[in-house]
Amino acid sequence: MAYFLISGYDKAESITVSKNAETVYYLQSGVYSTKENMEKNMSDFEHYIYNVEDNKYYTYVGMSKNKKNAEKIKEFYKQKGYSTYIKEKITDNKEFLTILGQYDELLSSVKEDETIKVICNQILAKYEEMVNNEY
């Protein structure tokens, strides 16, 4: 009976807890076992954010609410010789999501590498300021 109950949770759909929550596409650059290793390997990037999960450091070099923009950022980094992975996460910081939407509009209309890079750095800086400082 316990197996039946527990196995049902694997198939259950998740629900959004906050009405302000939205899906954000994060561009993951790497996973590292130590902070020192992460800092050494991420030294090529002007700006990045990281999250610690299960004692591992996950690094992100871009984000967007728009899947096409996430693909654009991924292609930008691919052309520079970096592999990135798009990860979907839920974010509920309404102010940040509003600003991210504004950056998404800009990102949708640009093609120049330098502009894409500047926008990504601005988004990451705003994320650090508005979301990471919450914790």
N, C-alpha and C. Protein backbone atom coordinates (compact mmCIF):
# COMPACT_ATOMS: atom_id res chain seq x y z
N MET A 1 0.83 -1.19 0.00
CA MET A 1 0.00 0.00 0.00
C MET A 1 0.88 1.26 0.00
N ALA A 2 1.93 1.25 0.81
CA ALA A 2 2.83 2.41 0.88
C ALA A 2 3.49 2.66 -0.47
N TYR A 3 3.91 1.60 -1.15
CA TYR A 3 4.53 1.74 -2.47
C TYR A 3 3.57 2.42 -3.43
N PHE A 4 2.32 2.01 -3.42
CA PHE A 4 1.31 2.58 -4.31
C PHE A 4 1.15 4.08 -4.04
N LEU A 5 1.08 4.48 -2.79
CA LEU A 5 0.92 5.89 -2.43
C LEU A 5 2.13 6.72 -2.85
N ILE A 6 3.31 6.22 -2.55
CA ILE A 6 4.53 6.96 -2.87
C ILE A 6 4.75 7.04 -4.37
N SER A 7 4.50 5.96 -5.10
CA SER A 7 4.71 5.98 -6.55
C SER A 7 3.75 6.95 -7.24
N GLY A 8 2.61 7.24 -6.63
CA GLY A 8 1.68 8.20 -7.19
C GLY A 8 2.24 9.61 -7.21
N TYR A 9 3.14 9.93 -6.28
CA TYR A 9 3.74 11.26 -6.24
C TYR A 9 4.68 11.50 -7.41
N ASP A 10 5.29 10.43 -7.93
CA ASP A 10 6.19 10.58 -9.07
C ASP A 10 5.44 11.09 -10.29
N LYS A 11 4.16 10.74 -10.41
CA LYS A 11 3.39 11.11 -11.58
C LYS A 11 2.59 12.38 -11.38
N ALA A 12 2.54 12.88 -10.17
CA ALA A 12 1.75 14.08 -9.89
C ALA A 12 2.38 15.31 -10.52
N GLU A 13 1.55 16.16 -11.08
CA GLU A 13 2.04 17.40 -11.66
C GLU A 13 2.31 18.39 -10.56
N SER A 14 3.36 19.18 -10.75
CA SER A 14 3.67 20.20 -9.75
C SER A 14 2.76 21.40 -9.97
N ILE A 15 2.51 22.14 -8.91
CA ILE A 15 1.69 23.33 -9.01
C ILE A 15 2.52 24.54 -8.58
N THR A 16 2.18 25.66 -9.13
CA THR A 16 2.87 26.90 -8.78
C THR A 16 2.31 27.40 -7.45
N VAL A 17 3.19 27.71 -6.52
CA VAL A 17 2.77 28.14 -5.20
C VAL A 17 2.41 29.63 -5.20
N SER A 18 3.14 30.42 -5.95
CA SER A 18 2.92 31.86 -5.99
C SER A 18 2.25 32.22 -7.31
N LYS A 19 1.27 33.11 -7.26
CA LYS A 19 0.61 33.53 -8.49
C LYS A 19 1.53 34.39 -9.35
N ASN A 20 2.62 34.90 -8.79
CA ASN A 20 3.58 35.72 -9.53
C ASN A 20 4.68 34.89 -10.17
N ALA A 21 4.70 33.59 -9.93
CA ALA A 21 5.78 32.75 -10.41
C ALA A 21 5.68 32.54 -11.93
N GLU A 22 6.84 32.54 -12.56
CA GLU A 22 6.92 32.30 -14.00
C GLU A 22 8.13 31.41 -14.29
N THR A 23 8.06 30.75 -15.43
CA THR A 23 9.19 29.94 -15.87
C THR A 23 10.26 30.86 -16.45
N VAL A 24 11.49 30.62 -16.03
CA VAL A 24 12.63 31.36 -16.57
C VAL A 24 13.61 30.32 -17.10
N TYR A 25 14.17 30.60 -18.26
CA TYR A 25 15.16 29.72 -18.88
C TYR A 25 16.55 30.20 -18.49
N TYR A 26 17.27 29.37 -17.75
CA TYR A 26 18.62 29.69 -17.30
C TYR A 26 19.61 28.98 -18.22
N LEU A 27 20.70 29.67 -18.57
CA LEU A 27 21.75 29.07 -19.39
C LEU A 27 22.86 28.60 -18.47
N GLN A 28 22.86 27.29 -18.22
CA GLN A 28 23.86 26.70 -17.32
C GLN A 28 25.16 26.49 -18.07
N SER A 29 26.23 26.92 -17.45
CA SER A 29 27.54 26.80 -18.07
C SER A 29 28.33 25.61 -17.52
N GLY A 30 28.16 25.31 -16.25
CA GLY A 30 28.93 24.21 -15.68
C GLY A 30 28.46 23.82 -14.30
N VAL A 31 29.02 22.71 -13.82
CA VAL A 31 28.78 22.21 -12.46
C VAL A 31 30.14 21.88 -11.87
N TYR A 32 30.40 22.38 -10.66
CA TYR A 32 31.71 22.21 -10.05
C TYR A 32 31.57 21.69 -8.63
N SER A 33 32.57 20.95 -8.20
CA SER A 33 32.53 20.36 -6.86
C SER A 33 33.03 21.31 -5.78
N THR A 34 33.84 22.30 -6.15
CA THR A 34 34.33 23.27 -5.16
C THR A 34 34.18 24.69 -5.70
N LYS A 35 34.10 25.63 -4.79
CA LYS A 35 33.98 27.03 -5.18
C LYS A 35 35.25 27.50 -5.90
N GLU A 36 36.40 27.03 -5.42
CA GLU A 36 37.67 27.42 -6.04
C GLU A 36 37.74 26.94 -7.48
N ASN A 37 37.32 25.71 -7.72
CA ASN A 37 37.32 25.15 -9.06
C ASN A 37 36.36 25.93 -9.97
N MET A 38 35.21 26.28 -9.42
CA MET A 38 34.23 27.07 -10.17
C MET A 38 34.83 28.42 -10.56
N GLU A 39 35.40 29.12 -9.60
CA GLU A 39 35.96 30.45 -9.87
C GLU A 39 37.07 30.38 -10.91
N LYS A 40 37.90 29.36 -10.84
CA LYS A 40 38.99 29.19 -11.80
C LYS A 40 38.43 28.95 -13.21
N ASN A 41 37.45 28.07 -13.33
CA ASN A 41 36.90 27.72 -14.64
C ASN A 41 35.98 28.80 -15.22
N MET A 42 35.46 29.67 -14.39
CA MET A 42 34.56 30.71 -14.88
C MET A 42 35.27 32.04 -15.08
N SER A 43 36.58 32.05 -14.98
CA SER A 43 37.33 33.30 -15.08
C SER A 43 37.22 33.97 -16.45
N ASP A 44 36.82 33.23 -17.49
CA ASP A 44 36.65 33.82 -18.82
C ASP A 44 35.40 34.71 -18.91
N PHE A 45 34.49 34.54 -17.98
CA PHE A 45 33.22 35.26 -18.04
C PHE A 45 33.27 36.53 -17.20
N GLU A 46 32.79 37.62 -17.81
CA GLU A 46 32.72 38.89 -17.09
C GLU A 46 31.78 38.78 -15.90
N HIS A 47 30.66 38.12 -16.14
CA HIS A 47 29.64 38.03 -15.10
C HIS A 47 28.96 36.67 -15.18
N TYR A 48 28.68 36.09 -14.04
CA TYR A 48 27.91 34.85 -13.96
C TYR A 48 27.30 34.77 -12.58
N ILE A 49 26.31 33.92 -12.44
CA ILE A 49 25.73 33.66 -11.13
C ILE A 49 25.87 32.18 -10.85
N TYR A 50 25.76 31.80 -9.60
CA TYR A 50 25.83 30.38 -9.28
C TYR A 50 24.86 30.04 -8.17
N ASN A 51 24.54 28.77 -8.12
CA ASN A 51 23.64 28.25 -7.11
C ASN A 51 24.26 26.98 -6.55
N VAL A 52 24.19 26.79 -5.25
CA VAL A 52 24.73 25.59 -4.62
C VAL A 52 23.58 24.62 -4.36
N GLU A 53 23.68 23.45 -4.95
CA GLU A 53 22.70 22.38 -4.77
C GLU A 53 23.45 21.08 -4.56
N ASP A 54 23.08 20.35 -3.52
CA ASP A 54 23.72 19.06 -3.22
C ASP A 54 25.24 19.17 -3.19
N ASN A 55 25.75 20.24 -2.58
CA ASN A 55 27.18 20.49 -2.43
C ASN A 55 27.91 20.65 -3.76
N LYS A 56 27.19 21.05 -4.80
CA LYS A 56 27.80 21.32 -6.11
C LYS A 56 27.44 22.74 -6.51
N TYR A 57 28.35 23.37 -7.25
CA TYR A 57 28.19 24.75 -7.69
C TYR A 57 27.73 24.76 -9.16
N TYR A 58 26.50 25.18 -9.38
CA TYR A 58 25.94 25.28 -10.73
C TYR A 58 26.07 26.72 -11.18
N THR A 59 26.71 26.92 -12.34
CA THR A 59 26.93 28.28 -12.84
C THR A 59 26.01 28.58 -14.02
N TYR A 60 25.58 29.84 -14.07
CA TYR A 60 24.67 30.30 -15.12
C TYR A 60 25.21 31.59 -15.73
N VAL A 61 25.13 31.67 -17.06
CA VAL A 61 25.69 32.82 -17.77
C VAL A 61 24.64 33.62 -18.54
N GLY A 62 23.38 33.25 -18.38
CA GLY A 62 22.30 33.98 -19.03
C GLY A 62 20.96 33.47 -18.58
N MET A 63 19.93 34.26 -18.85
CA MET A 63 18.56 33.84 -18.54
C MET A 63 17.58 34.66 -19.34
N SER A 64 16.40 34.07 -19.53
CA SER A 64 15.34 34.73 -20.28
C SER A 64 14.00 34.10 -19.94
N LYS A 65 12.93 34.86 -20.10
CA LYS A 65 11.59 34.31 -19.97
C LYS A 65 11.12 33.76 -21.31
N ASN A 66 11.87 34.06 -22.36
CA ASN A 66 11.51 33.71 -23.73
C ASN A 66 12.42 32.59 -24.23
N LYS A 67 11.83 31.48 -24.65
CA LYS A 67 12.62 30.32 -25.10
C LYS A 67 13.50 30.69 -26.31
N LYS A 68 12.98 31.49 -27.24
CA LYS A 68 13.77 31.89 -28.41
C LYS A 68 15.00 32.70 -27.99
N ASN A 69 14.82 33.57 -27.02
CA ASN A 69 15.95 34.35 -26.52
C ASN A 69 16.97 33.45 -25.84
N ALA A 70 16.49 32.45 -25.10
CA ALA A 70 17.41 31.50 -24.46
C ALA A 70 18.22 30.77 -25.53
N GLU A 71 17.56 30.39 -26.61
CA GLU A 71 18.28 29.74 -27.72
C GLU A 71 19.28 30.69 -28.36
N LYS A 72 18.94 31.97 -28.45
CA LYS A 72 19.84 32.98 -29.01
C LYS A 72 21.10 33.10 -28.14
N ILE A 73 20.88 33.13 -26.83
CA ILE A 73 22.02 33.23 -25.90
C ILE A 73 22.88 31.97 -26.00
N LYS A 74 22.23 30.82 -26.08
CA LYS A 74 22.96 29.55 -26.21
C LYS A 74 23.82 29.56 -27.47
N GLU A 75 23.26 30.03 -28.58
CA GLU A 75 24.01 30.09 -29.84
C GLU A 75 25.16 31.09 -29.74
N PHE A 76 24.94 32.21 -29.07
CA PHE A 76 26.00 33.20 -28.85
C PHE A 76 27.19 32.55 -28.15
N TYR A 77 26.93 31.81 -27.07
CA TYR A 77 28.02 31.16 -26.34
C TYR A 77 28.65 30.02 -27.14
N LYS A 78 27.85 29.33 -27.92
CA LYS A 78 28.37 28.25 -28.77
C LYS A 78 29.39 28.80 -29.77
N GLN A 79 29.06 29.95 -30.37
CA GLN A 79 29.98 30.59 -31.31
C GLN A 79 31.28 31.03 -30.64
N LYS A 80 31.21 31.30 -29.35
CA LYS A 80 32.40 31.68 -28.59
C LYS A 80 33.17 30.46 -28.07
N GLY A 81 32.64 29.26 -28.32
CA GLY A 81 33.34 28.05 -27.93
C GLY A 81 32.92 27.47 -26.58
N TYR A 82 31.78 27.91 -26.05
CA TYR A 82 31.30 27.43 -24.75
C TYR A 82 30.03 26.61 -24.91
N SER A 83 29.95 25.54 -24.16
CA SER A 83 28.73 24.73 -24.12
C SER A 83 27.85 25.22 -22.99
N THR A 84 26.57 25.41 -23.29
CA THR A 84 25.61 25.79 -22.26
C THR A 84 24.39 24.89 -22.39
N TYR A 85 23.64 24.81 -21.32
CA TYR A 85 22.44 23.99 -21.28
C TYR A 85 21.29 24.84 -20.77
N ILE A 86 20.16 24.75 -21.43
CA ILE A 86 18.99 25.52 -21.00
C ILE A 86 18.26 24.74 -19.91
N LYS A 87 18.09 25.38 -18.77
CA LYS A 87 17.39 24.78 -17.63
C LYS A 87 16.17 25.64 -17.30
N GLU A 88 15.03 25.01 -17.16
CA GLU A 88 13.82 25.73 -16.77
C GLU A 88 13.72 25.74 -15.25
N LYS A 89 13.48 26.94 -14.72
CA LYS A 89 13.28 27.09 -13.28
C LYS A 89 12.13 28.06 -13.06
N ILE A 90 11.52 27.97 -11.91
CA ILE A 90 10.43 28.86 -11.54
C ILE A 90 11.00 30.00 -10.69
N THR A 91 10.65 31.22 -11.05
CA THR A 91 11.06 32.39 -10.29
C THR A 91 9.81 33.19 -9.95
N ASP A 92 9.75 33.69 -8.72
CA ASP A 92 8.55 34.40 -8.31
C ASP A 92 8.81 35.84 -7.86
N ASN A 93 9.97 36.38 -8.13
CA ASN A 93 10.27 37.76 -7.79
C ASN A 93 9.65 38.66 -8.87
N LYS A 94 8.51 39.26 -8.55
CA LYS A 94 7.73 40.02 -9.53
C LYS A 94 8.53 41.17 -10.14
N GLU A 95 9.26 41.90 -9.30
CA GLU A 95 10.04 43.03 -9.81
C GLU A 95 11.11 42.57 -10.79
N PHE A 96 11.81 41.49 -10.45
CA PHE A 96 12.84 40.98 -11.35
C PHE A 96 12.20 40.48 -12.65
N LEU A 97 11.09 39.80 -12.56
CA LEU A 97 10.44 39.27 -13.76
C LEU A 97 10.01 40.41 -14.69
N THR A 98 9.59 41.53 -14.13
CA THR A 98 9.23 42.69 -14.94
C THR A 98 10.46 43.21 -15.68
N ILE A 99 11.56 43.36 -14.97
CA ILE A 99 12.79 43.85 -15.59
C ILE A 99 13.31 42.85 -16.62
N LEU A 100 13.23 41.56 -16.30
CA LEU A 100 13.67 40.53 -17.24
C LEU A 100 12.84 40.60 -18.52
N GLY A 101 11.56 40.88 -18.39
CA GLY A 101 10.70 41.04 -19.57
C GLY A 101 11.16 42.20 -20.44
N GLN A 102 11.59 43.29 -19.82
CA GLN A 102 12.09 44.44 -20.58
C GLN A 102 13.39 44.09 -21.31
N TYR A 103 14.28 43.39 -20.61
CA TYR A 103 15.52 42.96 -21.26
C TYR A 103 15.23 41.97 -22.38
N ASP A 104 14.21 41.13 -22.20
CA ASP A 104 13.84 40.18 -23.25
C ASP A 104 13.41 40.90 -24.52
N GLU A 105 12.67 42.00 -24.37
CA GLU A 105 12.27 42.77 -25.54
C GLU A 105 13.49 43.29 -26.29
N LEU A 106 14.47 43.80 -25.55
CA LEU A 106 15.71 44.27 -26.18
C LEU A 106 16.44 43.11 -26.86
N LEU A 107 16.56 42.01 -26.15
CA LEU A 107 17.29 40.85 -26.66
C LEU A 107 16.65 40.30 -27.93
N SER A 108 15.34 40.36 -28.00
CA SER A 108 14.64 39.87 -29.19
C SER A 108 15.00 40.65 -30.45
N SER A 109 15.35 41.92 -30.28
CA SER A 109 15.56 42.78 -31.44
C SER A 109 17.02 42.96 -31.84
N VAL A 110 17.96 42.37 -31.11
CA VAL A 110 19.38 42.58 -31.43
C VAL A 110 20.01 41.33 -32.03
N LYS A 111 21.08 41.56 -32.78
CA LYS A 111 21.81 40.45 -33.38
C LYS A 111 23.31 40.53 -33.11
N GLU A 112 23.79 41.70 -32.72
CA GLU A 112 25.22 41.92 -32.53
C GLU A 112 25.70 41.21 -31.26
N ASP A 113 26.82 40.50 -31.39
CA ASP A 113 27.37 39.74 -30.26
C ASP A 113 27.63 40.61 -29.04
N GLU A 114 28.22 41.77 -29.26
CA GLU A 114 28.57 42.62 -28.12
C GLU A 114 27.32 43.08 -27.37
N THR A 115 26.26 43.35 -28.09
CA THR A 115 25.01 43.77 -27.46
C THR A 115 24.38 42.63 -26.68
N ILE A 116 24.40 41.44 -27.23
CA ILE A 116 23.88 40.26 -26.52
C ILE A 116 24.66 40.05 -25.23
N LYS A 117 25.97 40.18 -25.31
CA LYS A 117 26.82 40.02 -24.13
C LYS A 117 26.49 41.06 -23.05
N VAL A 118 26.32 42.30 -23.45
CA VAL A 118 26.02 43.38 -22.50
C VAL A 118 24.66 43.12 -21.84
N ILE A 119 23.67 42.73 -22.62
CA ILE A 119 22.35 42.46 -22.07
C ILE A 119 22.41 41.30 -21.08
N CYS A 120 23.11 40.23 -21.42
CA CYS A 120 23.26 39.09 -20.51
C CYS A 120 23.91 39.52 -19.20
N ASN A 121 24.96 40.31 -19.28
CA ASN A 121 25.63 40.78 -18.07
C ASN A 121 24.71 41.65 -17.21
N GLN A 122 23.91 42.50 -17.85
CA GLN A 122 22.97 43.35 -17.12
C GLN A 122 21.91 42.51 -16.42
N ILE A 123 21.39 41.51 -17.12
CA ILE A 123 20.38 40.63 -16.52
C ILE A 123 20.96 39.93 -15.29
N LEU A 124 22.16 39.39 -15.41
CA LEU A 124 22.77 38.67 -14.29
C LEU A 124 23.04 39.60 -13.12
N ALA A 125 23.45 40.82 -13.40
CA ALA A 125 23.69 41.80 -12.33
C ALA A 125 22.38 42.14 -11.61
N LYS A 126 21.32 42.32 -12.36
CA LYS A 126 20.01 42.61 -11.76
C LYS A 126 19.52 41.42 -10.94
N TYR A 127 19.77 40.22 -11.44
CA TYR A 127 19.36 39.02 -10.70
C TYR A 127 20.07 38.97 -9.35
N GLU A 128 21.36 39.21 -9.36
CA GLU A 128 22.12 39.22 -8.10
C GLU A 128 21.58 40.27 -7.14
N GLU A 129 21.31 41.44 -7.69
CA GLU A 129 20.84 42.55 -6.86
C GLU A 129 19.44 42.30 -6.31
N MET A 130 18.53 41.82 -7.13
CA MET A 130 17.14 41.75 -6.75
C MET A 130 16.69 40.39 -6.18
N VAL A 131 17.29 39.32 -6.65
CA VAL A 131 16.84 37.99 -6.24
C VAL A 131 17.79 37.39 -5.20
N ASN A 132 19.07 37.35 -5.49
CA ASN A 132 20.02 36.75 -4.53
C ASN A 132 20.06 37.51 -3.22
N ASN A 133 19.86 38.82 -3.25
CA ASN A 133 19.88 39.60 -2.02
C ASN A 133 18.65 39.35 -1.14
N GLU A 134 17.63 38.68 -1.69
CA GLU A 134 16.46 38.32 -0.90
C GLU A 134 16.82 37.31 0.17
N TYR A 135 17.82 36.50 -0.11
CA TYR A 135 18.15 35.38 0.78
C TYR A 135 19.26 35.77 1.68
